[in-house]
Amino acid sequence: MNRDVIITCAVTGSGDSASKSEHVPVTPAEIATASIDAAKAGAAIVHIHVREPDTGAPSRRVELYQEVVDRIRDSDTDVVINLTTGMGGDLYLGPDDNPLALTDDTDCVGEVERLAHVEKLLPEICSMDCGSFNYPGGNYVYISSPDMLELGAKRLQAIRVKPELEVFDLGHIWFAKGMLEDGLLDAPPLFQICLGIRWGAQDLPRNFQTMVDNLPSGANWAGFAIGAMEMPMVAQAVLLGGHVRVGLEDNIYLSRGVKASNAQLVERARQIVELMGAEVQTPEQARQTLQLKRQVV
């Protein structure tokens, strides 16, 4: 069991949740405010996507990330910033007789473009999705190839940003361990075990245990599940010795039919952690645990 737990809050994500809950932040000001509120509730880390302010659609625009990060850094609230690099991997294949006729939903760019906001803003952490996999929805495939990942790892080493290795299945862990062995990742690595995202690892306790068992020795890790399994997996992550993630990217409800804010989800996770006899780490404690490198910006 882990008795010193880091809580990450994933404040908005890139799904269509903004159309389902008025609490999902959309504009840079809303995303920054939600991040600050989550930190005040006990989150040491905030994981950030951005959205187009007028539509709520997911975005890769660097200027939107810039505004969010500036607002958080200019506040009087300390929190570790973790920016996504998952955008730009959406491949929608055409019909069976012409799969290379990609549909208009495709947004697939190279690793350098996916990292543009990270290289400009220098957060302490950024996510790295450690492999391609099928999503629900016909011919939708998320693309994160070995060459892309190795290129990204090298660039992140150069700018001293810690990659949070998001793993959706056992093969992703296997690949990440190979990058660690090849010197592309600095020890200790940081893993995020992602459960319940179709068609990755199903959100079952035995799957969680198996993924933890496959992590490299000495790794730091957190885990989460989406939807109704969010809070049960908070408890299991702590029991298995890890850290936790909650937030409106993963689940929009506090209880059945009751929509949550990010801060409320962090508060609920904190209650679970503390009722289990553990304590919640501050941002500065999290920096020490994860061996983050403070950036000069």
C-alpha atoms as a PDB file:
ATOM      1  CA  MET A   1       0.000   0.000   0.000  1.00  0.00           C
ATOM      2  CA  ASN A   2       1.120   3.537  -0.743  1.00  0.00           C
ATOM      3  CA  ARG A   3       0.801   5.865   2.238  1.00  0.00           C
ATOM      4  CA  ASP A   4       1.983   9.048   0.496  1.00  0.00           C
ATOM      5  CA  VAL A   5      -0.275   9.521  -2.503  1.00  0.00           C
ATOM      6  CA  ILE A   6      -0.057  11.967  -5.388  1.00  0.00           C
ATOM      7  CA  ILE A   7      -3.401  13.009  -6.848  1.00  0.00           C
ATOM      8  CA  THR A   8      -3.508  14.086 -10.489  1.00  0.00           C
ATOM      9  CA  CYS A   9      -6.575  15.866 -11.842  1.00  0.00           C
ATOM     10  CA  ALA A  10      -7.279  15.544 -15.588  1.00  0.00           C
ATOM     11  CA  VAL A  11      -9.401  18.638 -15.934  1.00  0.00           C
ATOM     12  CA  THR A  12     -11.016  18.541 -19.385  1.00  0.00           C
ATOM     13  CA  GLY A  13      -9.735  15.941 -21.861  1.00  0.00           C
ATOM     14  CA  SER A  14     -10.574  15.843 -25.547  1.00  0.00           C
ATOM     15  CA  GLY A  15     -13.833  13.881 -25.631  1.00  0.00           C
ATOM     16  CA  ASP A  16     -17.354  15.196 -26.116  1.00  0.00           C
ATOM     17  CA  SER A  17     -17.913  15.606 -22.371  1.00  0.00           C
ATOM     18  CA  ALA A  18     -18.269  19.380 -22.676  1.00  0.00           C
ATOM     19  CA  SER A  19     -21.646  18.797 -24.344  1.00  0.00           C
ATOM     20  CA  LYS A  20     -22.708  16.538 -21.470  1.00  0.00           C
ATOM     21  CA  SER A  21     -21.793  18.639 -18.441  1.00  0.00           C
ATOM     22  CA  GLU A  22     -21.694  22.365 -17.832  1.00  0.00           C
ATOM     23  CA  HIS A  23     -18.839  21.798 -15.384  1.00  0.00           C
ATOM     24  CA  VAL A  24     -16.352  20.690 -18.057  1.00  0.00           C
ATOM     25  CA  PRO A  25     -14.052  23.681 -18.668  1.00  0.00           C
ATOM     26  CA  VAL A  26     -13.706  24.864 -22.261  1.00  0.00           C
ATOM     27  CA  THR A  27     -12.020  28.264 -22.495  1.00  0.00           C
ATOM     28  CA  PRO A  28      -8.433  28.815 -21.351  1.00  0.00           C
ATOM     29  CA  ALA A  29      -9.704  30.866 -18.419  1.00  0.00           C
ATOM     30  CA  GLU A  30     -12.084  28.083 -17.379  1.00  0.00           C
ATOM     31  CA  ILE A  31      -9.418  25.384 -17.742  1.00  0.00           C
ATOM     32  CA  ALA A  32      -6.936  27.402 -15.686  1.00  0.00           C
ATOM     33  CA  THR A  33      -9.530  28.112 -12.986  1.00  0.00           C
ATOM     34  CA  ALA A  34     -10.500  24.434 -12.835  1.00  0.00           C
ATOM     35  CA  SER A  35      -6.824  23.515 -12.488  1.00  0.00           C
ATOM     36  CA  ILE A  36      -6.298  25.979  -9.663  1.00  0.00           C
ATOM     37  CA  ASP A  37      -9.455  24.811  -7.875  1.00  0.00           C
ATOM     38  CA  ALA A  38      -8.316  21.188  -8.217  1.00  0.00           C
ATOM     39  CA  ALA A  39      -4.952  22.085  -6.721  1.00  0.00           C
ATOM     40  CA  LYS A  40      -6.619  23.815  -3.786  1.00  0.00           C
ATOM     41  CA  ALA A  41      -8.702  20.666  -3.253  1.00  0.00           C
ATOM     42  CA  GLY A  42      -5.573  18.506  -3.024  1.00  0.00           C
ATOM     43  CA  ALA A  43      -4.309  17.718  -6.512  1.00  0.00           C
ATOM     44  CA  ALA A  44      -0.526  17.955  -6.774  1.00  0.00           C
ATOM     45  CA  ILE A  45      -0.615  17.620 -10.594  1.00  0.00           C
ATOM     46  CA  VAL A  46      -3.049  18.887 -13.230  1.00  0.00           C
ATOM     47  CA  HIS A  47      -3.202  17.160 -16.615  1.00  0.00           C
ATOM     48  CA  ILE A  48      -4.255  19.623 -19.293  1.00  0.00           C
ATOM     49  CA  HIS A  49      -5.825  19.491 -22.743  1.00  0.00           C
ATOM     50  CA  VAL A  50      -7.237  22.561 -24.469  1.00  0.00           C
ATOM     51  CA  ARG A  51     -10.428  23.122 -26.458  1.00  0.00           C
ATOM     52  CA  GLU A  52     -11.602  25.602 -29.040  1.00  0.00           C
ATOM     53  CA  PRO A  53     -13.322  28.266 -26.931  1.00  0.00           C
ATOM     54  CA  ASP A  54     -16.264  28.780 -29.281  1.00  0.00           C
ATOM     55  CA  THR A  55     -17.125  25.124 -29.945  1.00  0.00           C
ATOM     56  CA  GLY A  56     -15.548  23.025 -27.169  1.00  0.00           C
ATOM     57  CA  ALA A  57     -13.834  20.871 -29.797  1.00  0.00           C
ATOM     58  CA  PRO A  58     -10.397  19.468 -28.901  1.00  0.00           C
ATOM     59  CA  SER A  59      -7.513  21.640 -30.064  1.00  0.00           C
ATOM     60  CA  ARG A  60      -3.745  21.581 -30.539  1.00  0.00           C
ATOM     61  CA  ARG A  61      -3.317  25.369 -30.749  1.00  0.00           C
ATOM     62  CA  VAL A  62      -0.186  26.453 -28.892  1.00  0.00           C
ATOM     63  CA  GLU A  63      -1.638  29.857 -28.012  1.00  0.00           C
ATOM     64  CA  LEU A  64      -4.465  28.207 -26.068  1.00  0.00           C
ATOM     65  CA  TYR A  65      -1.980  26.159 -24.046  1.00  0.00           C
ATOM     66  CA  GLN A  66       0.059  29.335 -23.544  1.00  0.00           C
ATOM     67  CA  GLU A  67      -2.888  31.167 -22.008  1.00  0.00           C
ATOM     68  CA  VAL A  68      -3.810  28.285 -19.700  1.00  0.00           C
ATOM     69  CA  VAL A  69      -0.241  27.797 -18.477  1.00  0.00           C
ATOM     70  CA  ASP A  70       0.346  31.530 -18.010  1.00  0.00           C
ATOM     71  CA  ARG A  71      -2.805  31.869 -15.940  1.00  0.00           C
ATOM     72  CA  ILE A  72      -1.828  28.960 -13.680  1.00  0.00           C
ATOM     73  CA  ARG A  73       1.746  30.139 -13.271  1.00  0.00           C
ATOM     74  CA  ASP A  74       0.612  33.692 -12.524  1.00  0.00           C
ATOM     75  CA  SER A  75      -1.737  32.493  -9.779  1.00  0.00           C
ATOM     76  CA  ASP A  76      -0.742  32.118  -6.152  1.00  0.00           C
ATOM     77  CA  THR A  77      -1.455  28.381  -6.240  1.00  0.00           C
ATOM     78  CA  ASP A  78       1.389  25.907  -6.692  1.00  0.00           C
ATOM     79  CA  VAL A  79       0.677  22.857  -8.838  1.00  0.00           C
ATOM     80  CA  VAL A  80       2.700  20.631 -11.174  1.00  0.00           C
ATOM     81  CA  ILE A  81       1.635  21.166 -14.797  1.00  0.00           C
ATOM     82  CA  ASN A  82       1.284  18.108 -17.032  1.00  0.00           C
ATOM     83  CA  LEU A  83       0.420  18.903 -20.670  1.00  0.00           C
ATOM     84  CA  THR A  84      -1.001  16.302 -23.016  1.00  0.00           C
ATOM     85  CA  THR A  85       0.798  15.335 -26.217  1.00  0.00           C
ATOM     86  CA  GLY A  86      -1.955  12.949 -27.238  1.00  0.00           C
ATOM     87  CA  MET A  87      -3.590  15.247 -29.762  1.00  0.00           C
ATOM     88  CA  GLY A  88      -2.753  14.705 -33.421  1.00  0.00           C
ATOM     89  CA  GLY A  89      -2.921  10.925 -33.438  1.00  0.00           C
ATOM     90  CA  ASP A  90      -6.448  10.403 -34.756  1.00  0.00           C
ATOM     91  CA  LEU A  91      -6.573   8.327 -37.939  1.00  0.00           C
ATOM     92  CA  TYR A  92      -9.958   7.599 -39.528  1.00  0.00           C
ATOM     93  CA  LEU A  93      -9.520   5.123 -42.354  1.00  0.00           C
ATOM     94  CA  GLY A  94     -11.740   5.060 -45.403  1.00  0.00           C
ATOM     95  CA  PRO A  95     -13.998   2.183 -46.497  1.00  0.00           C
ATOM     96  CA  ASP A  96     -12.722  -1.335 -46.915  1.00  0.00           C
ATOM     97  CA  ASP A  97     -12.174  -0.938 -50.657  1.00  0.00           C
ATOM     98  CA  ASN A  98     -10.169   2.266 -50.161  1.00  0.00           C
ATOM     99  CA  PRO A  99      -8.801   2.501 -46.603  1.00  0.00           C
ATOM    100  CA  LEU A 100      -6.325   5.249 -47.510  1.00  0.00           C
ATOM    101  CA  ALA A 101      -9.215   7.574 -48.342  1.00  0.00           C
ATOM    102  CA  LEU A 102      -8.963   9.128 -44.886  1.00  0.00           C
ATOM    103  CA  THR A 103     -12.086  10.860 -43.614  1.00  0.00           C
ATOM    104  CA  ASP A 104     -12.346  14.502 -42.558  1.00  0.00           C
ATOM    105  CA  ASP A 105     -12.165  13.523 -38.874  1.00  0.00           C
ATOM    106  CA  THR A 106      -8.518  12.520 -39.299  1.00  0.00           C
ATOM    107  CA  ASP A 107      -6.043  14.658 -37.369  1.00  0.00           C
ATOM    108  CA  CYS A 108      -2.728  12.824 -37.604  1.00  0.00           C
ATOM    109  CA  VAL A 109       0.534  14.774 -37.388  1.00  0.00           C
ATOM    110  CA  GLY A 110       4.141  13.937 -36.578  1.00  0.00           C
ATOM    111  CA  GLU A 111       5.724  13.879 -33.157  1.00  0.00           C
ATOM    112  CA  VAL A 112       7.475  17.231 -33.546  1.00  0.00           C
ATOM    113  CA  GLU A 113       4.138  18.969 -34.107  1.00  0.00           C
ATOM    114  CA  ARG A 114       2.558  17.075 -31.219  1.00  0.00           C
ATOM    115  CA  LEU A 115       5.299  18.413 -28.930  1.00  0.00           C
ATOM    116  CA  ALA A 116       5.265  22.035 -30.127  1.00  0.00           C
ATOM    117  CA  HIS A 117       3.446  23.429 -27.073  1.00  0.00           C
ATOM    118  CA  VAL A 118       5.589  21.391 -24.674  1.00  0.00           C
ATOM    119  CA  GLU A 119       8.857  22.635 -26.175  1.00  0.00           C
ATOM    120  CA  LYS A 120       7.597  26.212 -25.984  1.00  0.00           C
ATOM    121  CA  LEU A 121       6.082  26.156 -22.484  1.00  0.00           C
ATOM    122  CA  LEU A 122       8.366  23.633 -20.692  1.00  0.00           C
ATOM    123  CA  PRO A 123       5.976  22.004 -18.225  1.00  0.00           C
ATOM    124  CA  GLU A 124       7.461  19.686 -15.641  1.00  0.00           C
ATOM    125  CA  ILE A 125       5.549  16.704 -17.099  1.00  0.00           C
ATOM    126  CA  CYS A 126       3.871  15.851 -20.393  1.00  0.00           C
ATOM    127  CA  SER A 127       1.938  12.737 -21.331  1.00  0.00           C
ATOM    128  CA  MET A 128       3.198  10.213 -23.888  1.00  0.00           C
ATOM    129  CA  ASP A 129       0.765   7.600 -25.223  1.00  0.00           C
ATOM    130  CA  CYS A 130       2.957   4.510 -25.548  1.00  0.00           C
ATOM    131  CA  GLY A 131       1.401   2.780 -28.532  1.00  0.00           C
ATOM    132  CA  SER A 132      -1.282   2.695 -31.190  1.00  0.00           C
ATOM    133  CA  PHE A 133      -4.641   1.026 -30.580  1.00  0.00           C
ATOM    134  CA  ASN A 134      -8.198   0.792 -31.862  1.00  0.00           C
ATOM    135  CA  TYR A 135     -10.876   3.094 -30.507  1.00  0.00           C
ATOM    136  CA  PRO A 136     -14.632   2.469 -30.781  1.00  0.00           C
ATOM    137  CA  GLY A 137     -16.120   3.924 -33.913  1.00  0.00           C
ATOM    138  CA  GLY A 138     -15.526   1.871 -37.017  1.00  0.00           C
ATOM    139  CA  ASN A 139     -12.188   2.667 -38.656  1.00  0.00           C
ATOM    140  CA  TYR A 140     -10.810   4.953 -35.927  1.00  0.00           C
ATOM    141  CA  VAL A 141      -7.232   4.110 -34.894  1.00  0.00           C
ATOM    142  CA  TYR A 142      -5.074   6.117 -32.508  1.00  0.00           C
ATOM    143  CA  ILE A 143      -1.545   6.311 -33.919  1.00  0.00           C
ATOM    144  CA  SER A 144       1.612   6.480 -31.808  1.00  0.00           C
ATOM    145  CA  SER A 145       4.323   4.564 -33.622  1.00  0.00           C
ATOM    146  CA  PRO A 146       7.690   3.353 -32.274  1.00  0.00           C
ATOM    147  CA  ASP A 147       9.643   5.909 -34.322  1.00  0.00           C
ATOM    148  CA  MET A 148       7.387   8.723 -33.106  1.00  0.00           C
ATOM    149  CA  LEU A 149       7.780   7.678 -29.486  1.00  0.00           C
ATOM    150  CA  GLU A 150      11.542   7.311 -29.671  1.00  0.00           C
ATOM    151  CA  LEU A 151      11.853  10.718 -31.332  1.00  0.00           C
ATOM    152  CA  GLY A 152       9.613  12.258 -28.697  1.00  0.00           C
ATOM    153  CA  ALA A 153      11.543  10.664 -25.832  1.00  0.00           C
ATOM    154  CA  LYS A 154      14.831  12.064 -27.147  1.00  0.00           C
ATOM    155  CA  ARG A 155      13.394  15.569 -27.488  1.00  0.00           C
ATOM    156  CA  LEU A 156      11.904  15.454 -23.993  1.00  0.00           C
ATOM    157  CA  GLN A 157      15.234  14.340 -22.525  1.00  0.00           C
ATOM    158  CA  ALA A 158      16.889  17.313 -24.193  1.00  0.00           C
ATOM    159  CA  ILE A 159      14.444  19.828 -22.688  1.00  0.00           C
ATOM    160  CA  ARG A 160      14.274  18.082 -19.268  1.00  0.00           C
ATOM    161  CA  VAL A 161      10.517  17.394 -19.327  1.00  0.00           C
ATOM    162  CA  LYS A 162       9.432  14.133 -17.653  1.00  0.00           C
ATOM    163  CA  PRO A 163       7.219  11.987 -19.899  1.00  0.00           C
ATOM    164  CA  GLU A 164       4.215  10.456 -18.195  1.00  0.00           C
ATOM    165  CA  LEU A 165       4.044   7.119 -20.007  1.00  0.00           C
ATOM    166  CA  GLU A 166       0.358   6.471 -20.615  1.00  0.00           C
ATOM    167  CA  VAL A 167      -0.125   2.733 -21.073  1.00  0.00           C
ATOM    168  CA  PHE A 168      -3.436   1.293 -22.226  1.00  0.00           C
ATOM    169  CA  ASP A 169      -2.361  -2.345 -22.510  1.00  0.00           C
ATOM    170  CA  LEU A 170       0.508  -4.691 -21.680  1.00  0.00           C
ATOM    171  CA  GLY A 171       2.258  -4.164 -25.011  1.00  0.00           C
ATOM    172  CA  HIS A 172       2.575  -0.457 -24.234  1.00  0.00           C
ATOM    173  CA  ILE A 173       4.386  -1.278 -20.987  1.00  0.00           C
ATOM    174  CA  TRP A 174       6.660  -3.677 -22.846  1.00  0.00           C
ATOM    175  CA  PHE A 175       7.570  -0.995 -25.378  1.00  0.00           C
ATOM    176  CA  ALA A 176       8.188   1.640 -22.684  1.00  0.00           C
ATOM    177  CA  LYS A 177      10.508  -0.740 -20.833  1.00  0.00           C
ATOM    178  CA  GLY A 178      12.474  -1.106 -24.061  1.00  0.00           C
ATOM    179  CA  MET A 179      12.891   2.668 -24.286  1.00  0.00           C
ATOM    180  CA  LEU A 180      14.087   2.698 -20.679  1.00  0.00           C
ATOM    181  CA  GLU A 181      16.645  -0.031 -21.427  1.00  0.00           C
ATOM    182  CA  ASP A 182      17.838   1.913 -24.483  1.00  0.00           C
ATOM    183  CA  GLY A 183      18.472   5.031 -22.396  1.00  0.00           C
ATOM    184  CA  LEU A 184      15.649   7.060 -23.970  1.00  0.00           C
ATOM    185  CA  LEU A 185      13.945   7.568 -20.604  1.00  0.00           C
ATOM    186  CA  ASP A 186      15.541   8.904 -17.436  1.00  0.00           C
ATOM    187  CA  ALA A 187      15.102   6.903 -14.248  1.00  0.00           C
ATOM    188  CA  PRO A 188      12.830   6.715 -12.440  1.00  0.00           C
ATOM    189  CA  PRO A 189      10.209   6.496 -15.194  1.00  0.00           C
ATOM    190  CA  LEU A 190       6.644   7.666 -14.575  1.00  0.00           C
ATOM    191  CA  PHE A 191       3.772   5.462 -15.790  1.00  0.00           C
ATOM    192  CA  GLN A 192       0.048   6.178 -15.967  1.00  0.00           C
ATOM    193  CA  ILE A 193      -2.045   2.996 -16.180  1.00  0.00           C
ATOM    194  CA  CYS A 194      -5.204   3.754 -18.179  1.00  0.00           C
ATOM    195  CA  LEU A 195      -8.157   1.398 -17.717  1.00  0.00           C
ATOM    196  CA  GLY A 196     -11.572   1.134 -19.309  1.00  0.00           C
ATOM    197  CA  ILE A 197     -10.753   2.942 -22.569  1.00  0.00           C
ATOM    198  CA  ARG A 198     -12.046   0.782 -25.395  1.00  0.00           C
ATOM    199  CA  TRP A 199     -10.235  -1.145 -26.798  1.00  0.00           C
ATOM    200  CA  GLY A 200      -7.383  -1.091 -24.339  1.00  0.00           C
ATOM    201  CA  ALA A 201      -7.250  -2.879 -20.986  1.00  0.00           C
ATOM    202  CA  GLN A 202     -10.652  -3.496 -19.425  1.00  0.00           C
ATOM    203  CA  ASP A 203     -11.198  -1.902 -16.006  1.00  0.00           C
ATOM    204  CA  LEU A 204     -10.977  -5.103 -13.980  1.00  0.00           C
ATOM    205  CA  PRO A 205      -9.019  -5.425 -10.718  1.00  0.00           C
ATOM    206  CA  ARG A 206      -7.055  -8.401 -12.029  1.00  0.00           C
ATOM    207  CA  ASN A 207      -6.022  -6.423 -15.116  1.00  0.00           C
ATOM    208  CA  PHE A 208      -4.840  -3.547 -12.920  1.00  0.00           C
ATOM    209  CA  GLN A 209      -2.775  -5.950 -10.820  1.00  0.00           C
ATOM    210  CA  THR A 210      -1.258  -7.552 -13.920  1.00  0.00           C
ATOM    211  CA  MET A 211      -0.252  -4.219 -15.421  1.00  0.00           C
ATOM    212  CA  VAL A 212       1.366  -3.138 -12.166  1.00  0.00           C
ATOM    213  CA  ASP A 213       3.218  -6.463 -12.003  1.00  0.00           C
ATOM    214  CA  ASN A 214       4.706  -5.757 -15.449  1.00  0.00           C
ATOM    215  CA  LEU A 215       6.122  -2.326 -14.597  1.00  0.00           C
ATOM    216  CA  PRO A 216       9.904  -1.987 -14.349  1.00  0.00           C
ATOM    217  CA  SER A 217      11.510  -2.044 -10.931  1.00  0.00           C
ATOM    218  CA  GLY A 218      11.727   1.382  -9.328  1.00  0.00           C
ATOM    219  CA  ALA A 219       9.086   3.010 -11.527  1.00  0.00           C
ATOM    220  CA  ASN A 220       6.718   5.626 -10.184  1.00  0.00           C
ATOM    221  CA  TRP A 221       3.162   5.049 -11.343  1.00  0.00           C
ATOM    222  CA  ALA A 222      -0.436   6.130 -11.077  1.00  0.00           C
ATOM    223  CA  GLY A 223      -3.599   4.584 -12.408  1.00  0.00           C
ATOM    224  CA  PHE A 224      -7.170   5.462 -13.257  1.00  0.00           C
ATOM    225  CA  ALA A 225     -10.359   4.115 -14.761  1.00  0.00           C
ATOM    226  CA  ILE A 226     -13.099   5.999 -16.544  1.00  0.00           C
ATOM    227  CA  GLY A 227     -16.781   6.379 -15.680  1.00  0.00           C
ATOM    228  CA  ALA A 228     -18.268   4.613 -12.685  1.00  0.00           C
ATOM    229  CA  MET A 229     -15.022   2.746 -11.995  1.00  0.00           C
ATOM    230  CA  GLU A 230     -13.069   5.954 -11.349  1.00  0.00           C
ATOM    231  CA  MET A 231     -13.319   5.938  -7.546  1.00  0.00           C
ATOM    232  CA  PRO A 232     -13.059   2.160  -7.016  1.00  0.00           C
ATOM    233  CA  MET A 233      -9.773   2.249  -8.920  1.00  0.00           C
ATOM    234  CA  VAL A 234      -8.562   5.100  -6.710  1.00  0.00           C
ATOM    235  CA  ALA A 235      -8.751   2.655  -3.813  1.00  0.00           C
ATOM    236  CA  GLN A 236      -7.084  -0.150  -5.760  1.00  0.00           C
ATOM    237  CA  ALA A 237      -4.261   2.086  -6.954  1.00  0.00           C
ATOM    238  CA  VAL A 238      -3.451   3.010  -3.373  1.00  0.00           C
ATOM    239  CA  LEU A 239      -3.623  -0.622  -2.261  1.00  0.00           C
ATOM    240  CA  LEU A 240      -1.284  -1.665  -5.075  1.00  0.00           C
ATOM    241  CA  GLY A 241       1.261   0.969  -4.043  1.00  0.00           C
ATOM    242  CA  GLY A 242       0.608   3.672  -6.633  1.00  0.00           C
ATOM    243  CA  HIS A 243      -0.750   7.152  -7.097  1.00  0.00           C
ATOM    244  CA  VAL A 244      -4.155   8.186  -8.450  1.00  0.00           C
ATOM    245  CA  ARG A 245      -5.838  10.245 -11.135  1.00  0.00           C
ATOM    246  CA  VAL A 246      -9.364  11.640 -11.249  1.00  0.00           C
ATOM    247  CA  GLY A 247     -11.039  14.473 -13.155  1.00  0.00           C
ATOM    248  CA  LEU A 248     -13.670  15.373 -15.712  1.00  0.00           C
ATOM    249  CA  GLU A 249     -11.577  13.938 -18.548  1.00  0.00           C
ATOM    250  CA  ASP A 250     -12.373  10.513 -17.106  1.00  0.00           C
ATOM    251  CA  ASN A 251     -15.760  10.834 -15.423  1.00  0.00           C
ATOM    252  CA  ILE A 252     -18.353  13.629 -15.150  1.00  0.00           C
ATOM    253  CA  TYR A 253     -20.371  12.293 -12.194  1.00  0.00           C
ATOM    254  CA  LEU A 254     -19.902  12.522  -8.436  1.00  0.00           C
ATOM    255  CA  SER A 255     -22.642   9.926  -7.935  1.00  0.00           C
ATOM    256  CA  ARG A 256     -25.443   8.534 -10.074  1.00  0.00           C
ATOM    257  CA  GLY A 257     -27.117  11.471 -11.820  1.00  0.00           C
ATOM    258  CA  VAL A 258     -25.090  14.090  -9.907  1.00  0.00           C
ATOM    259  CA  LYS A 259     -22.620  15.965 -12.092  1.00  0.00           C
ATOM    260  CA  ALA A 260     -19.281  16.812 -10.531  1.00  0.00           C
ATOM    261  CA  SER A 261     -16.708  19.550 -10.729  1.00  0.00           C
ATOM    262  CA  ASN A 262     -13.028  18.729 -10.933  1.00  0.00           C
ATOM    263  CA  ALA A 263     -12.498  19.989  -7.395  1.00  0.00           C
ATOM    264  CA  GLN A 264     -15.285  17.744  -6.085  1.00  0.00           C
ATOM    265  CA  LEU A 265     -13.713  14.693  -7.726  1.00  0.00           C
ATOM    266  CA  VAL A 266     -10.352  15.557  -6.166  1.00  0.00           C
ATOM    267  CA  GLU A 267     -12.015  16.022  -2.780  1.00  0.00           C
ATOM    268  CA  ARG A 268     -13.702  12.614  -3.098  1.00  0.00           C
ATOM    269  CA  ALA A 269     -10.426  10.947  -4.051  1.00  0.00           C
ATOM    270  CA  ARG A 270      -8.692  12.651  -1.151  1.00  0.00           C
ATOM    271  CA  GLN A 271     -11.360  11.359   1.228  1.00  0.00           C
ATOM    272  CA  ILE A 272     -10.808   7.811  -0.026  1.00  0.00           C
ATOM    273  CA  VAL A 273      -7.029   8.121   0.307  1.00  0.00           C
ATOM    274  CA  GLU A 274      -7.201   9.532   3.818  1.00  0.00           C
ATOM    275  CA  LEU A 275      -9.850   7.064   5.000  1.00  0.00           C
ATOM    276  CA  MET A 276      -7.470   4.303   3.915  1.00  0.00           C
ATOM    277  CA  GLY A 277      -4.857   5.727   6.297  1.00  0.00           C
ATOM    278  CA  ALA A 278      -2.693   7.448   3.685  1.00  0.00           C
ATOM    279  CA  GLU A 279      -1.732  11.079   3.194  1.00  0.00           C
ATOM    280  CA  VAL A 280      -1.868  13.284   0.103  1.00  0.00           C
ATOM    281  CA  GLN A 281       1.355  14.772  -1.221  1.00  0.00           C
ATOM    282  CA  THR A 282       1.813  18.473  -1.869  1.00  0.00           C
ATOM    283  CA  PRO A 283       3.122  19.644  -5.256  1.00  0.00           C
ATOM    284  CA  GLU A 284       6.605  20.092  -3.819  1.00  0.00           C
ATOM    285  CA  GLN A 285       6.560  16.616  -2.294  1.00  0.00           C
ATOM    286  CA  ALA A 286       5.406  15.227  -5.649  1.00  0.00           C
ATOM    287  CA  ARG A 287       8.325  16.914  -7.399  1.00  0.00           C
ATOM    288  CA  GLN A 288      10.709  15.162  -5.028  1.00  0.00           C
ATOM    289  CA  THR A 289       8.970  11.781  -5.347  1.00  0.00           C
ATOM    290  CA  LEU A 290       8.941  11.897  -9.146  1.00  0.00           C
ATOM    291  CA  GLN A 291      12.382  13.561  -9.376  1.00  0.00           C
ATOM    292  CA  LEU A 292      11.069  16.341 -11.581  1.00  0.00           C
ATOM    293  CA  LYS A 293      13.384  19.001 -12.938  1.00  0.00           C
ATOM    294  CA  ARG A 294      12.175  22.514 -12.250  1.00  0.00           C
ATOM    295  CA  GLN A 295      12.205  24.591 -15.401  1.00  0.00           C
ATOM    296  CA  VAL A 296      13.327  28.198 -15.758  1.00  0.00           C
ATOM    297  CA  VAL A 297      10.630  29.992 -17.755  1.00  0.00           C
END
